Amino acid sequence: MAYVLLILISFGGLALCGFYLKKNIIRIKDKNKDEPKKYKRIWNYVPTGLWYGYLILFFAGLTINNLIF
């Protein structure tokens, strides 16, 4: 029963990561409309991509680990 709960939590974590990544990309697009410098517009995406990429890899690994073992 505990494995089923862990698998559901990991799927929920993946779904939340995807939801908040999409939400933050939209927020960054709106923020970048007022930014005149191109490097700052690009730099706004880098930390967001790194953070959510890390979280997606974590929850994907958690899901795979719970499904296999």
PDB file of N, CA and C in Angstrom:
ATOM      1  N   MET A   1       0.821  -1.198   0.000  1.00  0.00           N
ATOM      2  CA  MET A   1       0.000   0.000   0.000  1.00  0.00           C
ATOM      3  C   MET A   1       0.863   1.260   0.000  1.00  0.00           C
ATOM      4  N   ALA A   2       1.991   1.193   0.696  1.00  0.00           N
ATOM      5  CA  ALA A   2       2.862   2.367   0.768  1.00  0.00           C
ATOM      6  C   ALA A   2       3.455   2.689  -0.598  1.00  0.00           C
ATOM      7  N   TYR A   3       3.734   1.635  -1.403  1.00  0.00           N
ATOM      8  CA  TYR A   3       4.296   1.876  -2.734  1.00  0.00           C
ATOM      9  C   TYR A   3       3.290   2.564  -3.642  1.00  0.00           C
ATOM     10  N   VAL A   4       2.034   2.209  -3.507  1.00  0.00           N
ATOM     11  CA  VAL A   4       0.997   2.854  -4.317  1.00  0.00           C
ATOM     12  C   VAL A   4       0.917   4.330  -3.952  1.00  0.00           C
ATOM     13  N   LEU A   5       0.994   4.634  -2.684  1.00  0.00           N
ATOM     14  CA  LEU A   5       0.962   6.027  -2.242  1.00  0.00           C
ATOM     15  C   LEU A   5       2.173   6.794  -2.752  1.00  0.00           C
ATOM     16  N   LEU A   6       3.348   6.182  -2.704  1.00  0.00           N
ATOM     17  CA  LEU A   6       4.548   6.846  -3.218  1.00  0.00           C
ATOM     18  C   LEU A   6       4.463   7.080  -4.723  1.00  0.00           C
ATOM     19  N   ILE A   7       3.914   6.120  -5.455  1.00  0.00           N
ATOM     20  CA  ILE A   7       3.767   6.285  -6.900  1.00  0.00           C
ATOM     21  C   ILE A   7       2.779   7.406  -7.205  1.00  0.00           C
ATOM     22  N   LEU A   8       1.671   7.465  -6.479  1.00  0.00           N
ATOM     23  CA  LEU A   8       0.702   8.548  -6.683  1.00  0.00           C
ATOM     24  C   LEU A   8       1.307   9.908  -6.359  1.00  0.00           C
ATOM     25  N   ILE A   9       2.093   9.976  -5.296  1.00  0.00           N
ATOM     26  CA  ILE A   9       2.748  11.231  -4.929  1.00  0.00           C
ATOM     27  C   ILE A   9       3.751  11.642  -5.997  1.00  0.00           C
ATOM     28  N   SER A  10       4.482  10.685  -6.548  1.00  0.00           N
ATOM     29  CA  SER A  10       5.464  11.033  -7.572  1.00  0.00           C
ATOM     30  C   SER A  10       4.785  11.488  -8.856  1.00  0.00           C
ATOM     31  N   PHE A  11       3.666  10.866  -9.233  1.00  0.00           N
ATOM     32  CA  PHE A  11       2.911  11.347 -10.393  1.00  0.00           C
ATOM     33  C   PHE A  11       2.343  12.740 -10.131  1.00  0.00           C
ATOM     34  N   GLY A  12       1.872  12.967  -8.919  1.00  0.00           N
ATOM     35  CA  GLY A  12       1.375  14.293  -8.552  1.00  0.00           C
ATOM     36  C   GLY A  12       2.478  15.340  -8.594  1.00  0.00           C
ATOM     37  N   GLY A  13       3.668  14.963  -8.146  1.00  0.00           N
ATOM     38  CA  GLY A  13       4.802  15.885  -8.211  1.00  0.00           C
ATOM     39  C   GLY A  13       5.169  16.231  -9.635  1.00  0.00           C
ATOM     40  N   LEU A  14       5.141  15.238 -10.527  1.00  0.00           N
ATOM     41  CA  LEU A  14       5.408  15.507 -11.941  1.00  0.00           C
ATOM     42  C   LEU A  14       4.358  16.447 -12.526  1.00  0.00           C
ATOM     43  N   ALA A  15       3.098  16.208 -12.192  1.00  0.00           N
ATOM     44  CA  ALA A  15       2.027  17.060 -12.702  1.00  0.00           C
ATOM     45  C   ALA A  15       2.171  18.493 -12.186  1.00  0.00           C
ATOM     46  N   LEU A  16       2.486  18.642 -10.906  1.00  0.00           N
ATOM     47  CA  LEU A  16       2.650  19.993 -10.347  1.00  0.00           C
ATOM     48  C   LEU A  16       3.859  20.704 -10.955  1.00  0.00           C
ATOM     49  N   CYS A  17       4.937  19.976 -11.193  1.00  0.00           N
ATOM     50  CA  CYS A  17       6.112  20.573 -11.831  1.00  0.00           C
ATOM     51  C   CYS A  17       5.759  21.099 -13.219  1.00  0.00           C
ATOM     52  N   GLY A  18       5.044  20.294 -13.975  1.00  0.00           N
ATOM     53  CA  GLY A  18       4.631  20.723 -15.306  1.00  0.00           C
ATOM     54  C   GLY A  18       3.717  21.929 -15.259  1.00  0.00           C
ATOM     55  N   PHE A  19       2.776  21.931 -14.314  1.00  0.00           N
ATOM     56  CA  PHE A  19       1.846  23.053 -14.175  1.00  0.00           C
ATOM     57  C   PHE A  19       2.577  24.343 -13.820  1.00  0.00           C
ATOM     58  N   TYR A  20       3.448  24.285 -12.823  1.00  0.00           N
ATOM     59  CA  TYR A  20       4.143  25.491 -12.398  1.00  0.00           C
ATOM     60  C   TYR A  20       5.201  25.935 -13.404  1.00  0.00           C
ATOM     61  N   LEU A  21       5.796  25.006 -14.136  1.00  0.00           N
ATOM     62  CA  LEU A  21       6.725  25.390 -15.196  1.00  0.00           C
ATOM     63  C   LEU A  21       5.997  26.187 -16.266  1.00  0.00           C
ATOM     64  N   LYS A  22       4.853  25.701 -16.684  1.00  0.00           N
ATOM     65  CA  LYS A  22       4.059  26.426 -17.683  1.00  0.00           C
ATOM     66  C   LYS A  22       3.635  27.800 -17.162  1.00  0.00           C
ATOM     67  N   LYS A  23       3.208  27.836 -15.906  1.00  0.00           N
ATOM     68  CA  LYS A  23       2.778  29.099 -15.290  1.00  0.00           C
ATOM     69  C   LYS A  23       3.935  30.100 -15.226  1.00  0.00           C
ATOM     70  N   ASN A  24       5.128  29.638 -14.873  1.00  0.00           N
ATOM     71  CA  ASN A  24       6.279  30.532 -14.774  1.00  0.00           C
ATOM     72  C   ASN A  24       6.791  30.972 -16.135  1.00  0.00           C
ATOM     73  N   ILE A  25       6.705  30.109 -17.155  1.00  0.00           N
ATOM     74  CA  ILE A  25       7.103  30.510 -18.508  1.00  0.00           C
ATOM     75  C   ILE A  25       6.201  31.640 -18.992  1.00  0.00           C
ATOM     76  N   ILE A  26       4.912  31.530 -18.740  1.00  0.00           N
ATOM     77  CA  ILE A  26       3.977  32.600 -19.124  1.00  0.00           C
ATOM     78  C   ILE A  26       4.300  33.881 -18.360  1.00  0.00           C
ATOM     79  N   ARG A  27       4.612  33.759 -17.082  1.00  0.00           N
ATOM     80  CA  ARG A  27       4.959  34.937 -16.269  1.00  0.00           C
ATOM     81  C   ARG A  27       6.247  35.590 -16.779  1.00  0.00           C
ATOM     82  N   ILE A  28       7.223  34.786 -17.171  1.00  0.00           N
ATOM     83  CA  ILE A  28       8.481  35.332 -17.690  1.00  0.00           C
ATOM     84  C   ILE A  28       8.255  36.028 -19.029  1.00  0.00           C
ATOM     85  N   LYS A  29       7.400  35.462 -19.889  1.00  0.00           N
ATOM     86  CA  LYS A  29       7.088  36.112 -21.170  1.00  0.00           C
ATOM     87  C   LYS A  29       6.493  37.498 -20.940  1.00  0.00           C
ATOM     88  N   ASP A  30       5.572  37.595 -19.964  1.00  0.00           N
ATOM     89  CA  ASP A  30       4.977  38.896 -19.657  1.00  0.00           C
ATOM     90  C   ASP A  30       6.013  39.853 -19.075  1.00  0.00           C
ATOM     91  N   LYS A  31       6.900  39.349 -18.247  1.00  0.00           N
ATOM     92  CA  LYS A  31       7.937  40.179 -17.631  1.00  0.00           C
ATOM     93  C   LYS A  31       8.931  40.672 -18.682  1.00  0.00           C
ATOM     94  N   ASN A  32       9.230  39.819 -19.678  1.00  0.00           N
ATOM     95  CA  ASN A  32      10.236  40.171 -20.677  1.00  0.00           C
ATOM     96  C   ASN A  32       9.760  41.218 -21.675  1.00  0.00           C
ATOM     97  N   LYS A  33       8.478  41.498 -21.729  1.00  0.00           N
ATOM     98  CA  LYS A  33       7.976  42.515 -22.657  1.00  0.00           C
ATOM     99  C   LYS A  33       8.549  43.890 -22.332  1.00  0.00           C
ATOM    100  N   ASP A  34       8.838  44.144 -21.066  1.00  0.00           N
ATOM    101  CA  ASP A  34       9.345  45.441 -20.639  1.00  0.00           C
ATOM    102  C   ASP A  34      10.864  45.494 -20.553  1.00  0.00           C
ATOM    103  N   GLU A  35      11.544  44.374 -20.785  1.00  0.00           N
ATOM    104  CA  GLU A  35      13.007  44.323 -20.652  1.00  0.00           C
ATOM    105  C   GLU A  35      13.669  44.621 -21.994  1.00  0.00           C
ATOM    106  N   PRO A  36      14.460  45.713 -22.070  1.00  0.00           N
ATOM    107  CA  PRO A  36      15.065  46.087 -23.360  1.00  0.00           C
ATOM    108  C   PRO A  36      16.301  45.256 -23.726  1.00  0.00           C
ATOM    109  N   LYS A  37      17.007  44.704 -22.744  1.00  0.00           N
ATOM    110  CA  LYS A  37      18.263  43.998 -23.026  1.00  0.00           C
ATOM    111  C   LYS A  37      18.003  42.513 -23.279  1.00  0.00           C
ATOM    112  N   LYS A  38      18.548  42.032 -24.401  1.00  0.00           N
ATOM    113  CA  LYS A  38      18.286  40.658 -24.807  1.00  0.00           C
ATOM    114  C   LYS A  38      18.884  39.640 -23.843  1.00  0.00           C
ATOM    115  N   TYR A  39      20.092  39.897 -23.335  1.00  0.00           N
ATOM    116  CA  TYR A  39      20.718  38.917 -22.441  1.00  0.00           C
ATOM    117  C   TYR A  39      19.929  38.755 -21.154  1.00  0.00           C
ATOM    118  N   LYS A  40      19.297  39.817 -20.680  1.00  0.00           N
ATOM    119  CA  LYS A  40      18.477  39.703 -19.474  1.00  0.00           C
ATOM    120  C   LYS A  40      17.187  38.944 -19.766  1.00  0.00           C
ATOM    121  N   ARG A  41      16.647  39.114 -20.970  1.00  0.00           N
ATOM    122  CA  ARG A  41      15.442  38.362 -21.335  1.00  0.00           C
ATOM    123  C   ARG A  41      15.742  36.868 -21.377  1.00  0.00           C
ATOM    124  N   ILE A  42      16.897  36.514 -21.944  1.00  0.00           N
ATOM    125  CA  ILE A  42      17.276  35.104 -22.016  1.00  0.00           C
ATOM    126  C   ILE A  42      17.608  34.572 -20.623  1.00  0.00           C
ATOM    127  N   TRP A  43      18.316  35.378 -19.831  1.00  0.00           N
ATOM    128  CA  TRP A  43      18.741  34.925 -18.505  1.00  0.00           C
ATOM    129  C   TRP A  43      17.545  34.638 -17.592  1.00  0.00           C
ATOM    130  N   ASN A  44      16.406  35.250 -17.832  1.00  0.00           N
ATOM    131  CA  ASN A  44      15.229  34.983 -17.003  1.00  0.00           C
ATOM    132  C   ASN A  44      14.760  33.538 -17.127  1.00  0.00           C
ATOM    133  N   TYR A  45      15.031  32.900 -18.258  1.00  0.00           N
ATOM    134  CA  TYR A  45      14.594  31.514 -18.449  1.00  0.00           C
ATOM    135  C   TYR A  45      15.559  30.490 -17.847  1.00  0.00           C
ATOM    136  N   VAL A  46      16.824  30.841 -17.713  1.00  0.00           N
ATOM    137  CA  VAL A  46      17.845  29.870 -17.311  1.00  0.00           C
ATOM    138  C   VAL A  46      17.600  29.297 -15.913  1.00  0.00           C
ATOM    139  N   PRO A  47      17.459  30.103 -14.867  1.00  0.00           N
ATOM    140  CA  PRO A  47      17.239  29.510 -13.535  1.00  0.00           C
ATOM    141  C   PRO A  47      15.933  28.725 -13.447  1.00  0.00           C
ATOM    142  N   THR A  48      14.908  29.209 -14.148  1.00  0.00           N
ATOM    143  CA  THR A  48      13.629  28.500 -14.137  1.00  0.00           C
ATOM    144  C   THR A  48      13.771  27.130 -14.789  1.00  0.00           C
ATOM    145  N   GLY A  49      14.453  27.083 -15.925  1.00  0.00           N
ATOM    146  CA  GLY A  49      14.663  25.815 -16.607  1.00  0.00           C
ATOM    147  C   GLY A  49      15.504  24.852 -15.786  1.00  0.00           C
ATOM    148  N   LEU A  50      16.532  25.369 -15.143  1.00  0.00           N
ATOM    149  CA  LEU A  50      17.374  24.507 -14.309  1.00  0.00           C
ATOM    150  C   LEU A  50      16.596  23.944 -13.123  1.00  0.00           C
ATOM    151  N   TRP A  51      15.847  24.816 -12.452  1.00  0.00           N
ATOM    152  CA  TRP A  51      15.117  24.386 -11.273  1.00  0.00           C
ATOM    153  C   TRP A  51      14.045  23.354 -11.610  1.00  0.00           C
ATOM    154  N   TYR A  52      13.216  23.657 -12.598  1.00  0.00           N
ATOM    155  CA  TYR A  52      12.151  22.722 -12.934  1.00  0.00           C
ATOM    156  C   TYR A  52      12.690  21.482 -13.644  1.00  0.00           C
ATOM    157  N   GLY A  53      13.781  21.606 -14.365  1.00  0.00           N
ATOM    158  CA  GLY A  53      14.427  20.431 -14.937  1.00  0.00           C
ATOM    159  C   GLY A  53      14.899  19.490 -13.845  1.00  0.00           C
ATOM    160  N   TYR A  54      15.494  20.046 -12.805  1.00  0.00           N
ATOM    161  CA  TYR A  54      15.922  19.237 -11.668  1.00  0.00           C
ATOM    162  C   TYR A  54      14.729  18.553 -11.003  1.00  0.00           C
ATOM    163  N   LEU A  55      13.660  19.303 -10.772  1.00  0.00           N
ATOM    164  CA  LEU A  55      12.491  18.721 -10.114  1.00  0.00           C
ATOM    165  C   LEU A  55      11.840  17.636 -10.958  1.00  0.00           C
ATOM    166  N   ILE A  56      11.757  17.846 -12.274  1.00  0.00           N
ATOM    167  CA  ILE A  56      11.160  16.841 -13.147  1.00  0.00           C
ATOM    168  C   ILE A  56      12.012  15.579 -13.157  1.00  0.00           C
ATOM    169  N   LEU A  57      13.335  15.736 -13.220  1.00  0.00           N
ATOM    170  CA  LEU A  57      14.204  14.558 -13.158  1.00  0.00           C
ATOM    171  C   LEU A  57      14.062  13.821 -11.822  1.00  0.00           C
ATOM    172  N   PHE A  58      13.950  14.567 -10.740  1.00  0.00           N
ATOM    173  CA  PHE A  58      13.780  13.957  -9.427  1.00  0.00           C
ATOM    174  C   PHE A  58      12.498  13.135  -9.365  1.00  0.00           C
ATOM    175  N   PHE A  59      11.381  13.739  -9.764  1.00  0.00           N
ATOM    176  CA  PHE A  59      10.116  13.018  -9.677  1.00  0.00           C
ATOM    177  C   PHE A  59      10.028  11.891 -10.697  1.00  0.00           C
ATOM    178  N   ALA A  60      10.650  12.046 -11.860  1.00  0.00           N
ATOM    179  CA  ALA A  60      10.689  10.943 -12.830  1.00  0.00           C
ATOM    180  C   ALA A  60      11.507   9.781 -12.260  1.00  0.00           C
ATOM    181  N   GLY A  61      12.635  10.077 -11.654  1.00  0.00           N
ATOM    182  CA  GLY A  61      13.439   9.039 -11.021  1.00  0.00           C
ATOM    183  C   GLY A  61      12.707   8.374  -9.872  1.00  0.00           C
ATOM    184  N   LEU A  62      11.994   9.155  -9.095  1.00  0.00           N
ATOM    185  CA  LEU A  62      11.210   8.601  -7.992  1.00  0.00           C
ATOM    186  C   LEU A  62      10.122   7.678  -8.516  1.00  0.00           C
ATOM    187  N   THR A  63       9.476   8.078  -9.584  1.00  0.00           N
ATOM    188  CA  THR A  63       8.428   7.251 -10.187  1.00  0.00           C
ATOM    189  C   THR A  63       9.003   5.943 -10.709  1.00  0.00           C
ATOM    190  N   ILE A  64      10.081   6.040 -11.451  1.00  0.00           N
ATOM    191  CA  ILE A  64      10.707   4.825 -12.024  1.00  0.00           C
ATOM    192  C   ILE A  64      11.196   3.911 -10.905  1.00  0.00           C
ATOM    193  N   ASN A  65      11.792   4.489  -9.900  1.00  0.00           N
ATOM    194  CA  ASN A  65      12.294   3.678  -8.782  1.00  0.00           C
ATOM    195  C   ASN A  65      11.151   2.944  -8.080  1.00  0.00           C
ATOM    196  N   ASN A  66      10.038   3.611  -7.884  1.00  0.00           N
ATOM    197  CA  ASN A  66       8.918   2.979  -7.193  1.00  0.00           C
ATOM    198  C   ASN A  66       8.198   1.958  -8.075  1.00  0.00           C
ATOM    199  N   LEU A  67       8.238   2.154  -9.391  1.00  0.00           N
ATOM    200  CA  LEU A  67       7.595   1.195 -10.275  1.00  0.00           C
ATOM    201  C   LEU A  67       8.419  -0.078 -10.429  1.00  0.00           C
ATOM    202  N   ILE A  68       9.741   0.053 -10.418  1.00  0.00           N
ATOM    203  CA  ILE A  68      10.603  -1.097 -10.625  1.00  0.00           C
ATOM    204  C   ILE A  68      10.794  -1.905  -9.349  1.00  0.00           C
ATOM    205  N   PHE A  69      11.036  -1.222  -8.247  1.00  0.00           N
ATOM    206  CA  PHE A  69      11.330  -1.936  -7.002  1.00  0.00           C
ATOM    207  C   PHE A  69      10.111  -1.976  -6.162  1.00  0.00           C
TER     208      PHE A  69
END
